[in-house]
């Protein structure tokens, strides 16, 4: 499974940017990295002798997250580090397909750096 990663501060910053910059009918979607659940577990376990138990997905749970669907991709522009879904189709859209967490994966080392920066791990 893959999931997008955003900190609480990042979410608040995204909200404030949207409130300040969005035009009527626009939806702001932050451009953020993603990781597999397995990589997140591996980084948090950090080599310790902790058993991982794979339970499978819960009913209704998705394997990947989609923040912008393929049918909206033609309406997307880039603005200040965000994908902005506009009300109209764009001549040169910023996306060619959906914005999916499986397409934005970062390495375990990059994930570790993010967790260290957020104070979730000690370097």
PDB file of N, CA and C in Angstrom:
ATOM      1  N   UNK A   1       0.837  -1.183   0.000  1.00  0.00           N
ATOM      2  CA  UNK A   1       0.000   0.000   0.000  1.00  0.00           C
ATOM      3  C   UNK A   1       0.881   1.244   0.000  1.00  0.00           C
ATOM      4  N   UNK A   2       0.395   2.269  -0.619  1.00  0.00           N
ATOM      5  CA  UNK A   2       1.127   3.539  -0.639  1.00  0.00           C
ATOM      6  C   UNK A   2       0.247   4.638  -0.059  1.00  0.00           C
ATOM      7  N   UNK A   3       0.906   5.592   0.588  1.00  0.00           N
ATOM      8  CA  UNK A   3       0.194   6.717   1.183  1.00  0.00           C
ATOM      9  C   UNK A   3       0.992   8.002   0.969  1.00  0.00           C
ATOM     10  N   UNK A   4       0.264   9.093   0.710  1.00  0.00           N
ATOM     11  CA  UNK A   4       0.890  10.404   0.648  1.00  0.00           C
ATOM     12  C   UNK A   4       1.318  10.807   2.057  1.00  0.00           C
ATOM     13  N   UNK A   5       2.371  11.615   2.138  1.00  0.00           N
ATOM     14  CA  UNK A   5       2.909  12.050   3.422  1.00  0.00           C
ATOM     15  C   UNK A   5       2.788  13.565   3.553  1.00  0.00           C
ATOM     16  N   UNK A   6       2.149  14.015   4.610  1.00  0.00           N
ATOM     17  CA  UNK A   6       2.080  15.448   4.889  1.00  0.00           C
ATOM     18  C   UNK A   6       2.066  15.630   6.402  1.00  0.00           C
ATOM     19  N   UNK A   7       2.865  16.558   6.877  1.00  0.00           N
ATOM     20  CA  UNK A   7       2.909  16.845   8.308  1.00  0.00           C
ATOM     21  C   UNK A   7       1.741  17.751   8.676  1.00  0.00           C
ATOM     22  N   UNK A   8       1.489  17.891   9.945  1.00  0.00           N
ATOM     23  CA  UNK A   8       0.440  18.795  10.401  1.00  0.00           C
ATOM     24  C   UNK A   8       0.753  20.226   9.967  1.00  0.00           C
ATOM     25  N   UNK A   9       2.019  20.643  10.126  1.00  0.00           N
ATOM     26  CA  UNK A   9       2.419  21.984   9.683  1.00  0.00           C
ATOM     27  C   UNK A   9       2.205  22.147   8.182  1.00  0.00           C
ATOM     28  N   UNK A  10       2.539  21.111   7.405  1.00  0.00           N
ATOM     29  CA  UNK A  10       2.339  21.156   5.957  1.00  0.00           C
ATOM     30  C   UNK A  10       0.877  21.276   5.591  1.00  0.00           C
ATOM     31  N   UNK A  11       0.021  20.576   6.316  1.00  0.00           N
ATOM     32  CA  UNK A  11      -1.420  20.638   6.064  1.00  0.00           C
ATOM     33  C   UNK A  11      -1.962  22.029   6.382  1.00  0.00           C
ATOM     34  N   UNK A  12      -1.512  22.599   7.497  1.00  0.00           N
ATOM     35  CA  UNK A  12      -1.955  23.947   7.873  1.00  0.00           C
ATOM     36  C   UNK A  12      -1.454  24.968   6.860  1.00  0.00           C
ATOM     37  N   UNK A  13      -0.193  24.855   6.453  1.00  0.00           N
ATOM     38  CA  UNK A  13       0.350  25.763   5.437  1.00  0.00           C
ATOM     39  C   UNK A  13      -0.437  25.660   4.131  1.00  0.00           C
ATOM     40  N   UNK A  14      -0.810  24.446   3.749  1.00  0.00           N
ATOM     41  CA  UNK A  14      -1.604  24.247   2.537  1.00  0.00           C
ATOM     42  C   UNK A  14      -2.959  24.937   2.655  1.00  0.00           C
ATOM     43  N   UNK A  15      -3.573  24.792   3.794  1.00  0.00           N
ATOM     44  CA  UNK A  15      -4.872  25.432   4.025  1.00  0.00           C
ATOM     45  C   UNK A  15      -4.753  26.953   3.959  1.00  0.00           C
ATOM     46  N   UNK A  16      -3.726  27.506   4.599  1.00  0.00           N
ATOM     47  CA  UNK A  16      -3.552  28.963   4.599  1.00  0.00           C
ATOM     48  C   UNK A  16      -3.242  29.486   3.198  1.00  0.00           C
ATOM     49  N   UNK A  17      -2.418  28.747   2.443  1.00  0.00           N
ATOM     50  CA  UNK A  17      -2.136  29.138   1.058  1.00  0.00           C
ATOM     51  C   UNK A  17      -3.412  29.138   0.234  1.00  0.00           C
ATOM     52  N   UNK A  18      -4.215  28.104   0.404  1.00  0.00           N
ATOM     53  CA  UNK A  18      -5.472  28.015  -0.330  1.00  0.00           C
ATOM     54  C   UNK A  18      -6.384  29.183   0.012  1.00  0.00           C
ATOM     55  N   UNK A  19      -6.519  29.479   1.285  1.00  0.00           N
ATOM     56  CA  UNK A  19      -7.383  30.583   1.708  1.00  0.00           C
ATOM     57  C   UNK A  19      -6.905  31.918   1.140  1.00  0.00           C
ATOM     58  N   UNK A  20      -5.594  32.077   1.053  1.00  0.00           N
ATOM     59  CA  UNK A  20      -5.018  33.342   0.590  1.00  0.00           C
ATOM     60  C   UNK A  20      -5.013  33.466  -0.936  1.00  0.00           C
ATOM     61  N   UNK A  21      -4.788  32.367  -1.646  1.00  0.00           N
ATOM     62  CA  UNK A  21      -4.502  32.444  -3.078  1.00  0.00           C
ATOM     63  C   UNK A  21      -5.569  31.890  -4.020  1.00  0.00           C
ATOM     64  N   UNK A  22      -6.452  31.070  -3.533  1.00  0.00           N
ATOM     65  CA  UNK A  22      -7.397  30.385  -4.437  1.00  0.00           C
ATOM     66  C   UNK A  22      -8.423  31.340  -5.028  1.00  0.00           C
ATOM     67  N   UNK A  23      -8.736  31.098  -6.274  1.00  0.00           N
ATOM     68  CA  UNK A  23      -9.834  31.792  -6.938  1.00  0.00           C
ATOM     69  C   UNK A  23     -11.080  30.927  -6.808  1.00  0.00           C
ATOM     70  N   UNK A  24     -12.219  31.529  -7.028  1.00  0.00           N
ATOM     71  CA  UNK A  24     -13.495  30.805  -6.925  1.00  0.00           C
ATOM     72  C   UNK A  24     -13.478  29.548  -7.809  1.00  0.00           C
ATOM     73  N   UNK A  25     -13.848  28.422  -7.229  1.00  0.00           N
ATOM     74  CA  UNK A  25     -13.955  27.172  -7.975  1.00  0.00           C
ATOM     75  C   UNK A  25     -12.674  26.368  -8.073  1.00  0.00           C
ATOM     76  N   UNK A  26     -11.572  26.877  -7.517  1.00  0.00           N
ATOM     77  CA  UNK A  26     -10.301  26.146  -7.582  1.00  0.00           C
ATOM     78  C   UNK A  26     -10.126  25.246  -6.369  1.00  0.00           C
ATOM     79  N   UNK A  27      -9.460  24.130  -6.594  1.00  0.00           N
ATOM     80  CA  UNK A  27      -9.106  23.209  -5.520  1.00  0.00           C
ATOM     81  C   UNK A  27      -7.594  23.072  -5.514  1.00  0.00           C
ATOM     82  N   UNK A  28      -6.966  23.382  -4.376  1.00  0.00           N
ATOM     83  CA  UNK A  28      -5.515  23.275  -4.233  1.00  0.00           C
ATOM     84  C   UNK A  28      -5.153  21.902  -3.692  1.00  0.00           C
ATOM     85  N   UNK A  29      -4.192  21.261  -4.343  1.00  0.00           N
ATOM     86  CA  UNK A  29      -3.717  19.950  -3.919  1.00  0.00           C
ATOM     87  C   UNK A  29      -2.192  20.050  -3.776  1.00  0.00           C
ATOM     88  N   UNK A  30      -1.662  19.863  -2.554  1.00  0.00           N
ATOM     89  CA  UNK A  30      -0.220  19.989  -2.374  1.00  0.00           C
ATOM     90  C   UNK A  30       0.546  18.895  -3.138  1.00  0.00           C
ATOM     91  N   UNK A  31       1.696  19.274  -3.665  1.00  0.00           N
ATOM     92  CA  UNK A  31       2.581  18.299  -4.313  1.00  0.00           C
ATOM     93  C   UNK A  31       3.470  17.741  -3.209  1.00  0.00           C
ATOM     94  N   UNK A  32       3.200  16.506  -2.829  1.00  0.00           N
ATOM     95  CA  UNK A  32       3.862  15.894  -1.675  1.00  0.00           C
ATOM     96  C   UNK A  32       4.346  14.492  -2.031  1.00  0.00           C
ATOM     97  N   UNK A  33       5.331  14.008  -1.276  1.00  0.00           N
ATOM     98  CA  UNK A  33       5.838  12.654  -1.548  1.00  0.00           C
ATOM     99  C   UNK A  33       4.917  11.588  -0.969  1.00  0.00           C
ATOM    100  N   UNK A  34       5.205  10.358  -1.330  1.00  0.00           N
ATOM    101  CA  UNK A  34       4.477   9.222  -0.771  1.00  0.00           C
ATOM    102  C   UNK A  34       5.473   8.107  -0.476  1.00  0.00           C
ATOM    103  N   UNK A  35       4.995   7.134   0.278  1.00  0.00           N
ATOM    104  CA  UNK A  35       5.833   5.989   0.645  1.00  0.00           C
ATOM    105  C   UNK A  35       4.950   4.766   0.802  1.00  0.00           C
ATOM    106  N   UNK A  36       5.583   3.608   0.738  1.00  0.00           N
ATOM    107  CA  UNK A  36       4.838   2.386   1.014  1.00  0.00           C
ATOM    108  C   UNK A  36       4.715   2.220   2.521  1.00  0.00           C
ATOM    109  N   UNK A  37       3.659   1.560   2.939  1.00  0.00           N
ATOM    110  CA  UNK A  37       3.463   1.290   4.364  1.00  0.00           C
ATOM    111  C   UNK A  37       4.623   0.435   4.887  1.00  0.00           C
ATOM    112  N   UNK A  38       5.102  -0.493   4.061  1.00  0.00           N
ATOM    113  CA  UNK A  38       6.243  -1.329   4.451  1.00  0.00           C
ATOM    114  C   UNK A  38       7.498  -0.506   4.694  1.00  0.00           C
ATOM    115  N   UNK A  39       7.770   0.470   3.824  1.00  0.00           N
ATOM    116  CA  UNK A  39       8.946   1.328   4.014  1.00  0.00           C
ATOM    117  C   UNK A  39       8.800   2.180   5.270  1.00  0.00           C
ATOM    118  N   UNK A  40       7.602   2.683   5.524  1.00  0.00           N
ATOM    119  CA  UNK A  40       7.371   3.468   6.745  1.00  0.00           C
ATOM    120  C   UNK A  40       7.659   2.605   7.967  1.00  0.00           C
ATOM    121  N   UNK A  41       7.163   1.376   7.967  1.00  0.00           N
ATOM    122  CA  UNK A  41       7.414   0.458   9.088  1.00  0.00           C
ATOM    123  C   UNK A  41       8.899   0.181   9.234  1.00  0.00           C
ATOM    124  N   UNK A  42       9.587  -0.107   8.126  1.00  0.00           N
ATOM    125  CA  UNK A  42      11.022  -0.406   8.184  1.00  0.00           C
ATOM    126  C   UNK A  42      11.817   0.762   8.763  1.00  0.00           C
ATOM    127  N   UNK A  43      11.494   1.970   8.349  1.00  0.00           N
ATOM    128  CA  UNK A  43      12.225   3.149   8.834  1.00  0.00           C
ATOM    129  C   UNK A  43      11.954   3.358  10.323  1.00  0.00           C
ATOM    130  N   UNK A  44      10.713   3.202  10.745  1.00  0.00           N
ATOM    131  CA  UNK A  44      10.389   3.382  12.159  1.00  0.00           C
ATOM    132  C   UNK A  44      10.976   2.270  13.030  1.00  0.00           C
ATOM    133  N   UNK A  45      11.020   1.044  12.521  1.00  0.00           N
ATOM    134  CA  UNK A  45      11.620  -0.067  13.264  1.00  0.00           C
ATOM    135  C   UNK A  45      13.127   0.125  13.370  1.00  0.00           C
ATOM    136  N   UNK A  46      13.733   0.653  12.306  1.00  0.00           N
ATOM    137  CA  UNK A  46      15.150   1.044  12.294  1.00  0.00           C
ATOM    138  C   UNK A  46      16.097  -0.073  12.734  1.00  0.00           C
ATOM    139  N   UNK A  47      15.886  -1.281  12.205  1.00  0.00           N
ATOM    140  CA  UNK A  47      16.805  -2.382  12.459  1.00  0.00           C
ATOM    141  C   UNK A  47      16.595  -3.110  13.765  1.00  0.00           C
ATOM    142  N   UNK A  48      15.674  -2.661  14.596  1.00  0.00           N
ATOM    143  CA  UNK A  48      15.422  -3.351  15.865  1.00  0.00           C
ATOM    144  C   UNK A  48      14.709  -4.670  15.611  1.00  0.00           C
ATOM    145  N   UNK A  49      14.772  -5.550  16.576  1.00  0.00           N
ATOM    146  CA  UNK A  49      14.165  -6.874  16.457  1.00  0.00           C
ATOM    147  C   UNK A  49      12.666  -6.785  16.768  1.00  0.00           C
ATOM    148  N   UNK A  50      11.930  -6.244  15.814  1.00  0.00           N
ATOM    149  CA  UNK A  50      10.479  -6.100  15.955  1.00  0.00           C
ATOM    150  C   UNK A  50       9.837  -6.828  14.780  1.00  0.00           C
ATOM    151  N   UNK A  51       8.920  -7.716  15.100  1.00  0.00           N
ATOM    152  CA  UNK A  51       8.262  -8.497  14.061  1.00  0.00           C
ATOM    153  C   UNK A  51       7.202  -7.647  13.360  1.00  0.00           C
ATOM    154  N   UNK A  52       7.193  -7.719  12.035  1.00  0.00           N
ATOM    155  CA  UNK A  52       6.135  -7.080  11.259  1.00  0.00           C
ATOM    156  C   UNK A  52       5.076  -8.131  10.977  1.00  0.00           C
ATOM    157  N   UNK A  53       3.824  -7.765  11.160  1.00  0.00           N
ATOM    158  CA  UNK A  53       2.712  -8.659  10.900  1.00  0.00           C
ATOM    159  C   UNK A  53       1.869  -8.048   9.789  1.00  0.00           C
ATOM    160  N   UNK A  54       1.725  -8.785   8.706  1.00  0.00           N
ATOM    161  CA  UNK A  54       0.927  -8.328   7.577  1.00  0.00           C
ATOM    162  C   UNK A  54      -0.495  -8.827   7.761  1.00  0.00           C
ATOM    163  N   UNK A  55      -1.421  -7.915   7.935  1.00  0.00           N
ATOM    164  CA  UNK A  55      -2.813  -8.293   8.201  1.00  0.00           C
ATOM    165  C   UNK A  55      -3.692  -8.186   6.963  1.00  0.00           C
ATOM    166  N   UNK A  56      -3.177  -7.585   5.905  1.00  0.00           N
ATOM    167  CA  UNK A  56      -3.987  -7.370   4.710  1.00  0.00           C
ATOM    168  C   UNK A  56      -4.786  -6.092   4.836  1.00  0.00           C
ATOM    169  N   UNK A  57      -5.478  -5.754   3.768  1.00  0.00           N
ATOM    170  CA  UNK A  57      -6.229  -4.504   3.810  1.00  0.00           C
ATOM    171  C   UNK A  57      -7.594  -4.704   4.442  1.00  0.00           C
ATOM    172  N   UNK A  58      -8.078  -3.629   5.001  1.00  0.00           N
ATOM    173  CA  UNK A  58      -9.392  -3.605   5.633  1.00  0.00           C
ATOM    174  C   UNK A  58     -10.438  -3.401   4.550  1.00  0.00           C
ATOM    175  N   UNK A  59     -11.615  -3.936   4.741  1.00  0.00           N
ATOM    176  CA  UNK A  59     -12.705  -3.783   3.793  1.00  0.00           C
ATOM    177  C   UNK A  59     -12.879  -2.304   3.422  1.00  0.00           C
ATOM    178  N   UNK A  60     -12.814  -2.014   2.145  1.00  0.00           N
ATOM    179  CA  UNK A  60     -12.984  -0.651   1.670  1.00  0.00           C
ATOM    180  C   UNK A  60     -11.698   0.148   1.580  1.00  0.00           C
ATOM    181  N   UNK A  61     -10.618  -0.365   2.151  1.00  0.00           N
ATOM    182  CA  UNK A  61      -9.341   0.357   2.111  1.00  0.00           C
ATOM    183  C   UNK A  61      -8.713   0.220   0.729  1.00  0.00           C
ATOM    184  N   UNK A  62      -8.113   1.295   0.269  1.00  0.00           N
ATOM    185  CA  UNK A  62      -7.510   1.292  -1.061  1.00  0.00           C
ATOM    186  C   UNK A  62      -6.020   1.013  -0.977  1.00  0.00           C
ATOM    187  N   UNK A  63      -5.498   0.419  -2.040  1.00  0.00           N
ATOM    188  CA  UNK A  63      -4.062   0.135  -2.096  1.00  0.00           C
ATOM    189  C   UNK A  63      -3.254   1.429  -2.254  1.00  0.00           C
ATOM    190  N   UNK A  64      -3.782   2.391  -2.985  1.00  0.00           N
ATOM    191  CA  UNK A  64      -3.100   3.661  -3.244  1.00  0.00           C
ATOM    192  C   UNK A  64      -4.095   4.797  -3.061  1.00  0.00           C
ATOM    193  N   UNK A  65      -3.559   6.001  -2.854  1.00  0.00           N
ATOM    194  CA  UNK A  65      -4.406   7.186  -2.732  1.00  0.00           C
ATOM    195  C   UNK A  65      -4.385   7.966  -4.037  1.00  0.00           C
ATOM    196  N   UNK A  66      -5.519   8.478  -4.425  1.00  0.00           N
ATOM    197  CA  UNK A  66      -5.624   9.327  -5.613  1.00  0.00           C
ATOM    198  C   UNK A  66      -6.136  10.680  -5.151  1.00  0.00           C
ATOM    199  N   UNK A  67      -5.324  11.726  -5.350  1.00  0.00           N
ATOM    200  CA  UNK A  67      -5.725  13.068  -4.942  1.00  0.00           C
ATOM    201  C   UNK A  67      -6.350  13.857  -6.088  1.00  0.00           C
ATOM    202  N   UNK A  68      -5.999  13.497  -7.323  1.00  0.00           N
ATOM    203  CA  UNK A  68      -6.639  14.100  -8.497  1.00  0.00           C
ATOM    204  C   UNK A  68      -6.929  12.958  -9.465  1.00  0.00           C
ATOM    205  N   UNK A  69      -8.173  12.843  -9.872  1.00  0.00           N
ATOM    206  CA  UNK A  69      -8.558  11.764 -10.772  1.00  0.00           C
ATOM    207  C   UNK A  69      -8.175  12.092 -12.214  1.00  0.00           C
ATOM    208  N   UNK A  70      -8.123  11.054 -13.027  1.00  0.00           N
ATOM    209  CA  UNK A  70      -7.756  11.219 -14.436  1.00  0.00           C
ATOM    210  C   UNK A  70      -8.717  12.149 -15.171  1.00  0.00           C
ATOM    211  N   UNK A  71      -9.991  12.104 -14.826  1.00  0.00           N
ATOM    212  CA  UNK A  71     -10.958  12.961 -15.524  1.00  0.00           C
ATOM    213  C   UNK A  71     -10.815  14.443 -15.167  1.00  0.00           C
ATOM    214  N   UNK A  72     -10.095  14.760 -14.099  1.00  0.00           N
ATOM    215  CA  UNK A  72      -9.837  16.165 -13.724  1.00  0.00           C
ATOM    216  C   UNK A  72      -8.442  16.644 -14.148  1.00  0.00           C
ATOM    217  N   UNK A  73      -7.594  15.732 -14.610  1.00  0.00           N
ATOM    218  CA  UNK A  73      -6.206  16.083 -14.947  1.00  0.00           C
ATOM    219  C   UNK A  73      -6.114  17.191 -15.995  1.00  0.00           C
ATOM    220  N   UNK A  74      -7.040  17.241 -16.912  1.00  0.00           N
ATOM    221  CA  UNK A  74      -7.001  18.257 -17.974  1.00  0.00           C
ATOM    222  C   UNK A  74      -7.319  19.656 -17.454  1.00  0.00           C
ATOM    223  N   UNK A  75      -7.740  19.760 -16.202  1.00  0.00           N
ATOM    224  CA  UNK A  75      -8.076  21.046 -15.600  1.00  0.00           C
ATOM    225  C   UNK A  75      -6.995  21.560 -14.659  1.00  0.00           C
ATOM    226  N   UNK A  76      -5.854  20.874 -14.585  1.00  0.00           N
ATOM    227  CA  UNK A  76      -4.847  21.159 -13.565  1.00  0.00           C
ATOM    228  C   UNK A  76      -3.742  22.079 -14.077  1.00  0.00           C
ATOM    229  N   UNK A  77      -3.420  23.079 -13.238  1.00  0.00           N
ATOM    230  CA  UNK A  77      -2.265  23.950 -13.471  1.00  0.00           C
ATOM    231  C   UNK A  77      -1.350  23.850 -12.255  1.00  0.00           C
ATOM    232  N   UNK A  78      -0.120  24.329 -12.399  1.00  0.00           N
ATOM    233  CA  UNK A  78       0.819  24.423 -11.278  1.00  0.00           C
ATOM    234  C   UNK A  78       0.799  25.844 -10.750  1.00  0.00           C
ATOM    235  N   UNK A  79       0.786  25.972  -9.412  1.00  0.00           N
ATOM    236  CA  UNK A  79       0.855  27.290  -8.796  1.00  0.00           C
ATOM    237  C   UNK A  79       1.482  27.158  -7.417  1.00  0.00           C
ATOM    238  N   UNK A  80       2.656  27.765  -7.236  1.00  0.00           N
ATOM    239  CA  UNK A  80       3.302  27.859  -5.920  1.00  0.00           C
ATOM    240  C   UNK A  80       3.428  26.520  -5.185  1.00  0.00           C
ATOM    241  N   UNK A  81       3.864  25.477  -5.884  1.00  0.00           N
ATOM    242  CA  UNK A  81       4.062  24.182  -5.248  1.00  0.00           C
ATOM    243  C   UNK A  81       2.793  23.364  -5.066  1.00  0.00           C
ATOM    244  N   UNK A  82       1.748  23.738  -5.759  1.00  0.00           N
ATOM    245  CA  UNK A  82       0.476  23.032  -5.679  1.00  0.00           C
ATOM    246  C   UNK A  82      -0.007  22.677  -7.074  1.00  0.00           C
ATOM    247  N   UNK A  83      -0.737  21.584  -7.162  1.00  0.00           N
ATOM    248  CA  UNK A  83      -1.569  21.346  -8.322  1.00  0.00           C
ATOM    249  C   UNK A  83      -2.871  22.072  -8.016  1.00  0.00           C
ATOM    250  N   UNK A  84      -3.340  22.857  -8.955  1.00  0.00           N
ATOM    251  CA  UNK A  84      -4.602  23.573  -8.773  1.00  0.00           C
ATOM    252  C   UNK A  84      -5.584  23.062  -9.821  1.00  0.00           C
ATOM    253  N   UNK A  85      -6.669  22.485  -9.335  1.00  0.00           N
ATOM    254  CA  UNK A  85      -7.729  22.016 -10.223  1.00  0.00           C
ATOM    255  C   UNK A  85      -8.643  23.220 -10.461  1.00  0.00           C
ATOM    256  N   UNK A  86      -8.692  23.649 -11.708  1.00  0.00           N
ATOM    257  CA  UNK A  86      -9.486  24.824 -12.078  1.00  0.00           C
ATOM    258  C   UNK A  86     -10.850  24.384 -12.611  1.00  0.00           C
ATOM    259  N   UNK A  87     -11.783  25.306 -12.701  1.00  0.00           N
ATOM    260  CA  UNK A  87     -13.102  24.942 -13.232  1.00  0.00           C
ATOM    261  C   UNK A  87     -13.091  24.630 -14.732  1.00  0.00           C
ATOM    262  N   UNK A  88     -12.067  25.098 -15.456  1.00  0.00           N
ATOM    263  CA  UNK A  88     -12.052  24.914 -16.906  1.00  0.00           C
ATOM    264  C   UNK A  88     -10.886  24.035 -17.369  1.00  0.00           C
ATOM    265  N   UNK A  89     -11.038  23.447 -18.543  1.00  0.00           N
ATOM    266  CA  UNK A  89      -9.988  22.647 -19.168  1.00  0.00           C
ATOM    267  C   UNK A  89      -8.850  23.581 -19.584  1.00  0.00           C
ATOM    268  N   UNK A  90      -7.618  23.126 -19.364  1.00  0.00           N
ATOM    269  CA  UNK A  90      -6.433  23.927 -19.662  1.00  0.00           C
ATOM    270  C   UNK A  90      -5.820  23.538 -21.011  1.00  0.00           C
ATOM    271  N   UNK A  91      -5.263  24.510 -21.707  1.00  0.00           N
ATOM    272  CA  UNK A  91      -4.589  24.235 -22.979  1.00  0.00           C
ATOM    273  C   UNK A  91      -3.351  23.375 -22.754  1.00  0.00           C
ATOM    274  N   UNK A  92      -2.644  23.629 -21.666  1.00  0.00           N
ATOM    275  CA  UNK A  92      -1.445  22.854 -21.299  1.00  0.00           C
ATOM    276  C   UNK A  92      -1.555  22.416 -19.842  1.00  0.00           C
ATOM    277  N   UNK A  93      -2.313  21.377 -19.583  1.00  0.00           N
ATOM    278  CA  UNK A  93      -2.493  20.943 -18.191  1.00  0.00           C
ATOM    279  C   UNK A  93      -1.183  20.441 -17.581  1.00  0.00           C
ATOM    280  N   UNK A  94      -1.071  20.603 -16.279  1.00  0.00           N
ATOM    281  CA  UNK A  94       0.136  20.193 -15.548  1.00  0.00           C
ATOM    282  C   UNK A  94       0.209  18.685 -15.344  1.00  0.00           C
ATOM    283  N   UNK A  95      -0.903  17.991 -15.490  1.00  0.00           N
ATOM    284  CA  UNK A  95      -0.934  16.534 -15.325  1.00  0.00           C
ATOM    285  C   UNK A  95      -1.429  15.868 -16.599  1.00  0.00           C
ATOM    286  N   UNK A  96      -0.889  14.681 -16.849  1.00  0.00           N
ATOM    287  CA  UNK A  96      -1.349  13.886 -17.997  1.00  0.00           C
ATOM    288  C   UNK A  96      -2.283  12.771 -17.554  1.00  0.00           C
ATOM    289  N   UNK A  97      -2.310  12.506 -16.272  1.00  0.00           N
ATOM    290  CA  UNK A  97      -3.157  11.455 -15.715  1.00  0.00           C
ATOM    291  C   UNK A  97      -3.412  11.748 -14.256  1.00  0.00           C
ATOM    292  N   UNK A  98      -3.922  10.763 -13.533  1.00  0.00           N
ATOM    293  CA  UNK A  98      -4.257  10.982 -12.131  1.00  0.00           C
ATOM    294  C   UNK A  98      -3.021  11.250 -11.280  1.00  0.00           C
ATOM    295  N   UNK A  99      -3.236  11.887 -10.143  1.00  0.00           N
ATOM    296  CA  UNK A  99      -2.181  12.148  -9.154  1.00  0.00           C
ATOM    297  C   UNK A  99      -2.330  11.063  -8.102  1.00  0.00           C
ATOM    298  N   UNK A 100      -1.478  10.032  -8.188  1.00  0.00           N
ATOM    299  CA  UNK A 100      -1.612   8.805  -7.430  1.00  0.00           C
ATOM    300  C   UNK A 100      -0.374   8.597  -6.556  1.00  0.00           C
ATOM    301  N   UNK A 101      -0.589   8.146  -5.333  1.00  0.00           N
ATOM    302  CA  UNK A 101       0.519   7.941  -4.402  1.00  0.00           C
ATOM    303  C   UNK A 101       1.528   6.906  -4.891  1.00  0.00           C
ATOM    304  N   UNK A 102       1.122   5.970  -5.726  1.00  0.00           N
ATOM    305  CA  UNK A 102       2.065   4.960  -6.220  1.00  0.00           C
ATOM    306  C   UNK A 102       3.084   5.565  -7.194  1.00  0.00           C
ATOM    307  N   UNK A 103       2.790   6.770  -7.708  1.00  0.00           N
ATOM    308  CA  UNK A 103       3.670   7.412  -8.680  1.00  0.00           C
ATOM    309  C   UNK A 103       4.614   8.439  -8.060  1.00  0.00           C
ATOM    310  N   UNK A 104       4.564   8.624  -6.743  1.00  0.00           N
ATOM    311  CA  UNK A 104       5.348   9.668  -6.069  1.00  0.00           C
ATOM    312  C   UNK A 104       6.215   9.095  -4.950  1.00  0.00           C
ATOM    313  N   UNK A 105       6.601   7.839  -5.069  1.00  0.00           N
ATOM    314  CA  UNK A 105       7.320   7.156  -3.988  1.00  0.00           C
ATOM    315  C   UNK A 105       8.727   7.710  -3.783  1.00  0.00           C
ATOM    316  N   UNK A 106       9.104   7.828  -2.518  1.00  0.00           N
ATOM    317  CA  UNK A 106      10.457   8.238  -2.165  1.00  0.00           C
ATOM    318  C   UNK A 106      11.194   7.038  -1.574  1.00  0.00           C
ATOM    319  N   UNK A 107      12.497   7.149  -1.494  1.00  0.00           N
ATOM    320  CA  UNK A 107      13.320   6.059  -0.965  1.00  0.00           C
ATOM    321  C   UNK A 107      13.236   6.005   0.563  1.00  0.00           C
ATOM    322  N   UNK A 108      13.695   4.901   1.125  1.00  0.00           N
ATOM    323  CA  UNK A 108      13.728   4.780   2.583  1.00  0.00           C
ATOM    324  C   UNK A 108      14.631   5.845   3.199  1.00  0.00           C
ATOM    325  N   UNK A 109      15.729   6.161   2.523  1.00  0.00           N
ATOM    326  CA  UNK A 109      16.633   7.197   3.045  1.00  0.00           C
ATOM    327  C   UNK A 109      15.945   8.563   3.058  1.00  0.00           C
ATOM    328  N   UNK A 110      15.232   8.888   1.998  1.00  0.00           N
ATOM    329  CA  UNK A 110      14.493  10.158   1.963  1.00  0.00           C
ATOM    330  C   UNK A 110      13.409  10.181   3.039  1.00  0.00           C
ATOM    331  N   UNK A 111      12.757   9.052   3.233  1.00  0.00           N
ATOM    332  CA  UNK A 111      11.731   8.934   4.264  1.00  0.00           C
ATOM    333  C   UNK A 111      12.354   9.138   5.649  1.00  0.00           C
ATOM    334  N   UNK A 112      13.508   8.521   5.867  1.00  0.00           N
ATOM    335  CA  UNK A 112      14.218   8.665   7.129  1.00  0.00           C
ATOM    336  C   UNK A 112      14.553  10.129   7.391  1.00  0.00           C
ATOM    337  N   UNK A 113      15.024  10.838   6.355  1.00  0.00           N
ATOM    338  CA  UNK A 113      15.355  12.260   6.493  1.00  0.00           C
ATOM    339  C   UNK A 113      14.128  13.080   6.880  1.00  0.00           C
ATOM    340  N   UNK A 114      12.988  12.777   6.286  1.00  0.00           N
ATOM    341  CA  UNK A 114      11.746  13.482   6.637  1.00  0.00           C
ATOM    342  C   UNK A 114      11.393  13.224   8.096  1.00  0.00           C
ATOM    343  N   UNK A 115      11.471  11.968   8.529  1.00  0.00           N
ATOM    344  CA  UNK A 115      11.123  11.629   9.910  1.00  0.00           C
ATOM    345  C   UNK A 115      12.076  12.281  10.906  1.00  0.00           C
ATOM    346  N   UNK A 116      13.360  12.363  10.569  1.00  0.00           N
ATOM    347  CA  UNK A 116      14.333  13.036  11.426  1.00  0.00           C
ATOM    348  C   UNK A 116      13.986  14.524  11.527  1.00  0.00           C
ATOM    349  N   UNK A 117      13.714  15.129  10.380  1.00  0.00           N
ATOM    350  CA  UNK A 117      13.368  16.567  10.340  1.00  0.00           C
ATOM    351  C   UNK A 117      12.127  16.859  11.184  1.00  0.00           C
ATOM    352  N   UNK A 118      11.151  15.940  11.186  1.00  0.00           N
ATOM    353  CA  UNK A 118       9.929  16.124  11.950  1.00  0.00           C
ATOM    354  C   UNK A 118      10.093  15.720  13.426  1.00  0.00           C
ATOM    355  N   UNK A 119      11.258  15.226  13.773  1.00  0.00           N
ATOM    356  CA  UNK A 119      11.499  14.828  15.153  1.00  0.00           C
ATOM    357  C   UNK A 119      10.906  13.473  15.515  1.00  0.00           C
ATOM    358  N   UNK A 120      10.600  12.671  14.498  1.00  0.00           N
ATOM    359  CA  UNK A 120      10.041  11.342  14.749  1.00  0.00           C
ATOM    360  C   UNK A 120      11.114  10.286  14.911  1.00  0.00           C
ATOM    361  N   UNK A 121      12.323  10.605  14.483  1.00  0.00           N
ATOM    362  CA  UNK A 121      13.489   9.708  14.617  1.00  0.00           C
ATOM    363  C   UNK A 121      14.697  10.533  15.008  1.00  0.00           C
ATOM    364  N   UNK A 122      15.602   9.900  15.713  1.00  0.00           N
ATOM    365  CA  UNK A 122      16.880  10.534  16.026  1.00  0.00           C
ATOM    366  C   UNK A 122      17.892  10.050  15.017  1.00  0.00           C
ATOM    367  N   UNK A 123      18.651  10.982  14.449  1.00  0.00           N
ATOM    368  CA  UNK A 123      19.627  10.615  13.416  1.00  0.00           C
ATOM    369  C   UNK A 123      20.769   9.823  13.978  1.00  0.00           C
TER     370      UNK A 123
END
